[in-house]
N, C-alpha and C. Protein backbone atom coordinates (compact mmCIF):
# COMPACT_ATOMS: atom_id res chain seq x y z
N ASN A 1 -75.33 15.44 85.51
CA ASN A 1 -74.86 14.35 86.34
C ASN A 1 -74.02 13.41 85.48
N PRO A 2 -72.69 13.50 85.52
CA PRO A 2 -71.84 12.70 84.64
C PRO A 2 -71.92 11.21 84.97
N ARG A 3 -71.79 10.39 83.93
CA ARG A 3 -71.80 8.94 84.13
C ARG A 3 -70.43 8.43 84.53
N VAL A 4 -69.38 9.12 84.14
CA VAL A 4 -68.02 8.70 84.48
C VAL A 4 -67.29 9.89 85.09
N ARG A 5 -66.65 9.67 86.22
CA ARG A 5 -65.87 10.70 86.88
C ARG A 5 -64.40 10.47 86.54
N LEU A 6 -63.75 11.45 85.90
CA LEU A 6 -62.36 11.29 85.50
C LEU A 6 -61.42 11.56 86.67
N PRO A 7 -60.24 10.89 86.68
CA PRO A 7 -59.27 11.15 87.74
C PRO A 7 -58.65 12.53 87.56
N CYS A 8 -58.09 13.07 88.62
CA CYS A 8 -57.46 14.39 88.55
C CYS A 8 -56.18 14.35 87.74
N SER A 9 -55.49 13.22 87.74
CA SER A 9 -54.23 13.09 87.05
C SER A 9 -54.34 12.07 85.93
N ALA A 10 -53.83 12.42 84.75
CA ALA A 10 -53.86 11.47 83.63
C ALA A 10 -52.95 10.28 83.92
N ALA A 11 -52.01 10.44 84.85
CA ALA A 11 -51.09 9.36 85.19
C ALA A 11 -51.70 8.36 86.17
N SER A 12 -52.89 8.66 86.66
CA SER A 12 -53.55 7.79 87.62
C SER A 12 -53.84 6.43 86.98
N PRO A 13 -53.43 5.32 87.61
CA PRO A 13 -53.65 4.00 87.02
C PRO A 13 -55.09 3.52 87.11
N THR A 14 -55.90 4.15 87.92
CA THR A 14 -57.28 3.71 88.06
C THR A 14 -58.22 4.85 87.73
N LEU A 15 -59.43 4.51 87.38
CA LEU A 15 -60.44 5.51 87.07
C LEU A 15 -61.64 5.28 87.97
N PRO A 16 -61.90 6.18 88.93
CA PRO A 16 -63.08 5.99 89.77
C PRO A 16 -64.35 6.21 88.95
N LEU A 17 -65.23 5.24 88.95
CA LEU A 17 -66.46 5.35 88.18
C LEU A 17 -67.59 5.82 89.06
N ALA A 18 -68.45 6.66 88.51
CA ALA A 18 -69.59 7.17 89.24
C ALA A 18 -70.77 6.22 89.17
N CYS A 19 -70.65 5.15 88.41
CA CYS A 19 -71.73 4.18 88.31
C CYS A 19 -71.17 2.79 88.08
N SER A 20 -71.96 1.80 88.34
CA SER A 20 -71.51 0.42 88.22
C SER A 20 -71.84 -0.13 86.84
N ALA A 21 -71.27 -1.29 86.52
CA ALA A 21 -71.55 -1.94 85.24
C ALA A 21 -72.99 -2.43 85.17
N GLU A 22 -73.61 -2.62 86.34
CA GLU A 22 -74.99 -3.12 86.36
C GLU A 22 -76.01 -2.03 86.07
N GLY A 23 -75.67 -0.80 86.32
CA GLY A 23 -76.61 0.28 86.09
C GLY A 23 -75.94 1.61 86.27
N GLY A 24 -76.67 2.65 86.02
CA GLY A 24 -76.13 4.00 86.14
C GLY A 24 -75.70 4.31 87.56
N GLU A 25 -75.66 5.56 87.89
CA GLU A 25 -75.19 5.97 89.21
C GLU A 25 -75.95 5.24 90.31
N ASN A 26 -75.20 4.68 91.26
CA ASN A 26 -75.77 3.91 92.38
C ASN A 26 -76.61 2.72 91.90
N GLY A 27 -76.27 2.16 90.73
CA GLY A 27 -76.97 0.98 90.23
C GLY A 27 -78.27 1.28 89.52
N ALA A 28 -78.64 2.54 89.36
CA ALA A 28 -79.91 2.89 88.69
C ALA A 28 -79.60 3.45 87.31
N GLY A 29 -80.50 3.26 86.40
CA GLY A 29 -80.33 3.82 85.06
C GLY A 29 -79.63 2.85 84.13
N PRO A 30 -79.27 3.32 82.93
CA PRO A 30 -78.68 2.43 81.94
C PRO A 30 -77.29 1.96 82.38
N PRO A 31 -76.89 0.75 81.98
CA PRO A 31 -75.58 0.23 82.37
C PRO A 31 -74.46 1.01 81.70
N LEU A 32 -73.31 1.01 82.35
CA LEU A 32 -72.12 1.68 81.84
C LEU A 32 -71.46 0.78 80.80
N HIS A 33 -70.98 1.37 79.73
CA HIS A 33 -70.25 0.62 78.70
C HIS A 33 -69.06 -0.06 79.36
N VAL A 34 -68.85 -1.33 79.07
CA VAL A 34 -67.81 -2.12 79.72
C VAL A 34 -66.41 -1.55 79.51
N HIS A 35 -66.18 -0.84 78.43
CA HIS A 35 -64.85 -0.28 78.15
C HIS A 35 -64.79 1.23 78.36
N ALA A 36 -65.76 1.81 79.03
CA ALA A 36 -65.84 3.27 79.18
C ALA A 36 -64.58 3.85 79.80
N ALA A 37 -64.08 3.26 80.86
CA ALA A 37 -62.91 3.81 81.55
C ALA A 37 -61.70 3.85 80.62
N ALA A 38 -61.46 2.76 79.89
CA ALA A 38 -60.31 2.72 78.98
C ALA A 38 -60.48 3.72 77.84
N HIS A 39 -61.72 3.90 77.33
CA HIS A 39 -61.95 4.85 76.24
C HIS A 39 -61.68 6.29 76.68
N VAL A 40 -62.23 6.70 77.81
CA VAL A 40 -62.11 8.10 78.21
C VAL A 40 -60.73 8.47 78.73
N THR A 41 -59.90 7.48 79.04
CA THR A 41 -58.54 7.77 79.50
C THR A 41 -57.50 7.56 78.41
N GLY A 42 -57.95 7.15 77.21
CA GLY A 42 -57.02 6.95 76.10
C GLY A 42 -56.23 5.65 76.20
N GLN A 43 -56.65 4.73 77.04
CA GLN A 43 -55.92 3.47 77.22
C GLN A 43 -56.35 2.39 76.24
N THR A 44 -57.46 2.58 75.54
CA THR A 44 -57.94 1.58 74.61
C THR A 44 -56.99 1.47 73.43
N LYS A 45 -56.67 0.24 73.06
CA LYS A 45 -55.83 -0.02 71.88
C LYS A 45 -56.74 -0.52 70.77
N PHE A 46 -56.64 0.10 69.59
CA PHE A 46 -57.45 -0.26 68.45
C PHE A 46 -56.58 -0.94 67.40
N LEU A 47 -57.19 -1.71 66.49
CA LEU A 47 -56.43 -2.38 65.45
C LEU A 47 -55.61 -1.39 64.63
N GLY A 48 -56.15 -0.21 64.40
CA GLY A 48 -55.43 0.80 63.63
C GLY A 48 -54.21 1.34 64.34
N ASP A 49 -54.05 1.03 65.63
CA ASP A 49 -52.89 1.49 66.40
C ASP A 49 -51.67 0.59 66.21
N ARG A 50 -51.82 -0.54 65.54
CA ARG A 50 -50.70 -1.46 65.38
C ARG A 50 -50.41 -1.68 63.91
N SER A 51 -49.20 -2.10 63.62
CA SER A 51 -48.81 -2.35 62.23
C SER A 51 -49.16 -3.78 61.84
N MET A 52 -49.28 -4.00 60.55
CA MET A 52 -49.56 -5.34 60.03
C MET A 52 -48.38 -6.25 60.34
N GLN A 53 -48.69 -7.50 60.66
CA GLN A 53 -47.68 -8.51 60.92
C GLN A 53 -47.64 -9.48 59.75
N ALA A 54 -46.53 -10.17 59.58
CA ALA A 54 -46.40 -11.15 58.50
C ALA A 54 -47.50 -12.19 58.60
N GLY A 55 -48.13 -12.51 57.48
CA GLY A 55 -49.16 -13.53 57.44
C GLY A 55 -50.56 -13.01 57.74
N GLU A 56 -50.71 -11.76 58.13
CA GLU A 56 -52.04 -11.20 58.42
C GLU A 56 -52.69 -10.72 57.13
N CYS A 57 -54.01 -10.69 57.14
CA CYS A 57 -54.78 -10.20 56.00
C CYS A 57 -55.54 -8.95 56.41
N ARG A 58 -55.87 -8.13 55.45
CA ARG A 58 -56.73 -6.97 55.68
C ARG A 58 -58.15 -7.34 55.29
N ALA A 59 -59.10 -6.73 55.96
CA ALA A 59 -60.51 -6.93 55.62
C ALA A 59 -61.05 -5.71 54.89
N GLN A 60 -61.90 -5.94 53.93
CA GLN A 60 -62.56 -4.86 53.20
C GLN A 60 -64.05 -5.14 53.24
N PHE A 61 -64.80 -4.23 53.83
CA PHE A 61 -66.25 -4.41 53.93
C PHE A 61 -66.93 -3.76 52.73
N VAL A 62 -67.95 -4.42 52.23
CA VAL A 62 -68.79 -3.84 51.17
C VAL A 62 -70.04 -3.34 51.87
N LEU A 63 -70.29 -2.06 51.75
CA LEU A 63 -71.43 -1.43 52.42
C LEU A 63 -72.65 -1.43 51.52
N GLY A 64 -73.81 -1.42 52.15
CA GLY A 64 -75.05 -1.36 51.41
C GLY A 64 -75.19 -0.02 50.69
N ARG A 65 -75.90 -0.03 49.60
CA ARG A 65 -76.13 1.21 48.85
C ARG A 65 -77.42 1.90 49.28
N HIS A 66 -78.30 1.15 49.96
CA HIS A 66 -79.59 1.69 50.36
C HIS A 66 -79.84 1.36 51.82
N ALA A 67 -80.20 2.35 52.61
CA ALA A 67 -80.55 2.12 54.01
C ALA A 67 -81.93 1.49 54.10
N HIS A 68 -82.12 0.63 55.07
CA HIS A 68 -83.41 -0.02 55.32
C HIS A 68 -83.90 -0.78 54.08
N ALA A 69 -82.98 -1.53 53.47
CA ALA A 69 -83.33 -2.30 52.28
C ALA A 69 -83.28 -3.79 52.58
N GLU A 70 -84.16 -4.54 51.98
CA GLU A 70 -84.17 -5.99 52.13
C GLU A 70 -83.07 -6.60 51.26
N ILE A 71 -82.35 -7.56 51.80
CA ILE A 71 -81.32 -8.28 51.04
C ILE A 71 -82.00 -9.50 50.43
N VAL A 72 -82.05 -9.55 49.10
CA VAL A 72 -82.70 -10.69 48.44
C VAL A 72 -81.67 -11.69 47.94
N ALA A 73 -80.44 -11.25 47.65
CA ALA A 73 -79.38 -12.16 47.19
C ALA A 73 -78.03 -11.47 47.35
N ILE A 74 -77.00 -12.27 47.55
CA ILE A 74 -75.64 -11.76 47.60
C ILE A 74 -74.81 -12.61 46.65
N ASP A 75 -74.23 -11.97 45.65
CA ASP A 75 -73.39 -12.67 44.68
C ASP A 75 -71.94 -12.29 44.97
N CYS A 76 -71.18 -13.24 45.50
CA CYS A 76 -69.78 -12.99 45.88
C CYS A 76 -68.79 -13.43 44.82
N SER A 77 -69.25 -13.94 43.70
CA SER A 77 -68.36 -14.54 42.71
C SER A 77 -67.32 -13.57 42.16
N GLU A 78 -67.71 -12.34 41.88
CA GLU A 78 -66.75 -11.36 41.33
C GLU A 78 -65.68 -11.02 42.35
N ALA A 79 -66.08 -10.81 43.60
CA ALA A 79 -65.11 -10.50 44.66
C ALA A 79 -64.18 -11.69 44.91
N ALA A 80 -64.73 -12.89 44.93
CA ALA A 80 -63.93 -14.09 45.20
C ALA A 80 -62.90 -14.33 44.10
N ALA A 81 -63.19 -13.90 42.88
CA ALA A 81 -62.29 -14.12 41.75
C ALA A 81 -61.17 -13.08 41.66
N MET A 82 -61.23 -12.03 42.47
CA MET A 82 -60.23 -10.97 42.41
C MET A 82 -58.88 -11.45 42.94
N GLU A 83 -57.81 -10.98 42.31
CA GLU A 83 -56.46 -11.37 42.72
C GLU A 83 -56.19 -10.93 44.17
N GLY A 84 -55.63 -11.82 44.94
CA GLY A 84 -55.26 -11.52 46.32
C GLY A 84 -56.36 -11.76 47.34
N VAL A 85 -57.58 -12.04 46.89
CA VAL A 85 -58.68 -12.28 47.83
C VAL A 85 -58.51 -13.67 48.44
N VAL A 86 -58.49 -13.73 49.76
CA VAL A 86 -58.32 -14.98 50.49
C VAL A 86 -59.68 -15.59 50.79
N ALA A 87 -60.66 -14.76 51.15
CA ALA A 87 -61.99 -15.25 51.50
C ALA A 87 -63.01 -14.14 51.32
N VAL A 88 -64.24 -14.53 51.06
CA VAL A 88 -65.37 -13.61 51.02
C VAL A 88 -66.36 -14.14 52.05
N LEU A 89 -66.68 -13.33 53.04
CA LEU A 89 -67.54 -13.77 54.13
C LEU A 89 -68.86 -13.00 54.12
N THR A 90 -69.93 -13.70 54.42
CA THR A 90 -71.25 -13.09 54.57
C THR A 90 -71.80 -13.49 55.94
N ALA A 91 -72.96 -13.02 56.27
CA ALA A 91 -73.57 -13.32 57.57
C ALA A 91 -73.71 -14.82 57.80
N SER A 92 -73.91 -15.59 56.74
CA SER A 92 -74.06 -17.04 56.91
C SER A 92 -72.75 -17.70 57.34
N ASP A 93 -71.63 -16.99 57.24
CA ASP A 93 -70.33 -17.53 57.66
C ASP A 93 -70.03 -17.23 59.13
N VAL A 94 -70.83 -16.40 59.78
CA VAL A 94 -70.60 -16.06 61.18
C VAL A 94 -71.03 -17.24 62.04
N PRO A 95 -70.10 -17.83 62.81
CA PRO A 95 -70.50 -18.95 63.66
C PRO A 95 -71.30 -18.47 64.86
N GLY A 96 -72.30 -19.21 65.24
CA GLY A 96 -73.12 -18.82 66.40
C GLY A 96 -74.00 -17.64 66.09
N ALA A 97 -74.25 -16.84 67.12
CA ALA A 97 -75.13 -15.68 66.98
C ALA A 97 -74.44 -14.57 66.18
N ASN A 98 -75.11 -14.04 65.20
CA ASN A 98 -74.60 -12.95 64.37
C ASN A 98 -74.97 -11.62 65.04
N ALA A 99 -74.49 -11.43 66.28
CA ALA A 99 -74.88 -10.23 67.03
C ALA A 99 -73.76 -9.81 67.97
N VAL A 100 -73.59 -8.49 68.07
CA VAL A 100 -72.63 -7.90 68.99
C VAL A 100 -73.28 -6.68 69.62
N GLY A 101 -72.61 -6.09 70.56
CA GLY A 101 -73.08 -4.87 71.18
C GLY A 101 -72.36 -4.65 72.49
N ALA A 102 -72.09 -3.41 72.81
CA ALA A 102 -71.36 -3.08 74.03
C ALA A 102 -72.13 -3.46 75.28
N ILE A 103 -73.43 -3.31 75.25
CA ILE A 103 -74.24 -3.60 76.44
C ILE A 103 -75.21 -4.73 76.13
N ALA A 104 -76.01 -4.58 75.11
CA ALA A 104 -76.93 -5.63 74.67
C ALA A 104 -76.44 -6.16 73.33
N HIS A 105 -76.36 -7.45 73.19
CA HIS A 105 -75.91 -8.05 71.93
C HIS A 105 -77.07 -8.06 70.94
N ASP A 106 -77.34 -6.87 70.37
CA ASP A 106 -78.51 -6.71 69.50
C ASP A 106 -78.18 -6.06 68.17
N GLU A 107 -76.89 -6.01 67.82
CA GLU A 107 -76.48 -5.42 66.55
C GLU A 107 -75.86 -6.51 65.68
N PRO A 108 -76.33 -6.69 64.45
CA PRO A 108 -75.75 -7.73 63.60
C PRO A 108 -74.29 -7.43 63.26
N ILE A 109 -73.47 -8.49 63.25
CA ILE A 109 -72.07 -8.34 62.83
C ILE A 109 -72.04 -8.04 61.34
N LEU A 110 -72.74 -8.85 60.57
CA LEU A 110 -72.89 -8.64 59.13
C LEU A 110 -74.39 -8.72 58.80
N ALA A 111 -74.84 -7.86 57.92
CA ALA A 111 -76.26 -7.85 57.55
C ALA A 111 -76.63 -9.19 56.92
N SER A 112 -77.83 -9.69 57.27
CA SER A 112 -78.25 -10.98 56.73
C SER A 112 -79.52 -10.87 55.90
N SER A 113 -80.53 -10.22 56.41
CA SER A 113 -81.79 -10.14 55.68
C SER A 113 -82.18 -8.70 55.35
N ARG A 114 -81.58 -7.75 56.05
CA ARG A 114 -81.94 -6.35 55.86
C ARG A 114 -80.72 -5.47 56.13
N VAL A 115 -80.51 -4.48 55.23
CA VAL A 115 -79.49 -3.45 55.46
C VAL A 115 -80.14 -2.39 56.32
N GLU A 116 -79.56 -2.12 57.47
CA GLU A 116 -80.15 -1.14 58.37
C GLU A 116 -79.50 0.23 58.26
N PHE A 117 -78.20 0.25 57.94
CA PHE A 117 -77.47 1.50 57.87
C PHE A 117 -76.58 1.47 56.65
N VAL A 118 -76.24 2.63 56.12
CA VAL A 118 -75.33 2.71 54.98
C VAL A 118 -74.03 3.32 55.44
């Protein structure tokens, strides 16, 4: 039982969905990802799809070395001193809730107390 029904023509401007944003088919089951239609039709535009513009900066993430590890300290001094570095950001720099997610906002933007994935 598919969650998304694709149109017959790729040129179709709309995508009939088999389920609502509130729940799976006929409103039951898990909610549909808010961007599902754009993803499955190739309409989603990603940052990597565009070229850098004047004045923009690139971001470089430092990944954890150990999965499921407690973060006891973060020393940003070496990174901040590197030539060309504009800013070094950690979870404490995220304004408001440090959480995102397609359906439930339950994934940290930046790790704060524990590395969950490598």
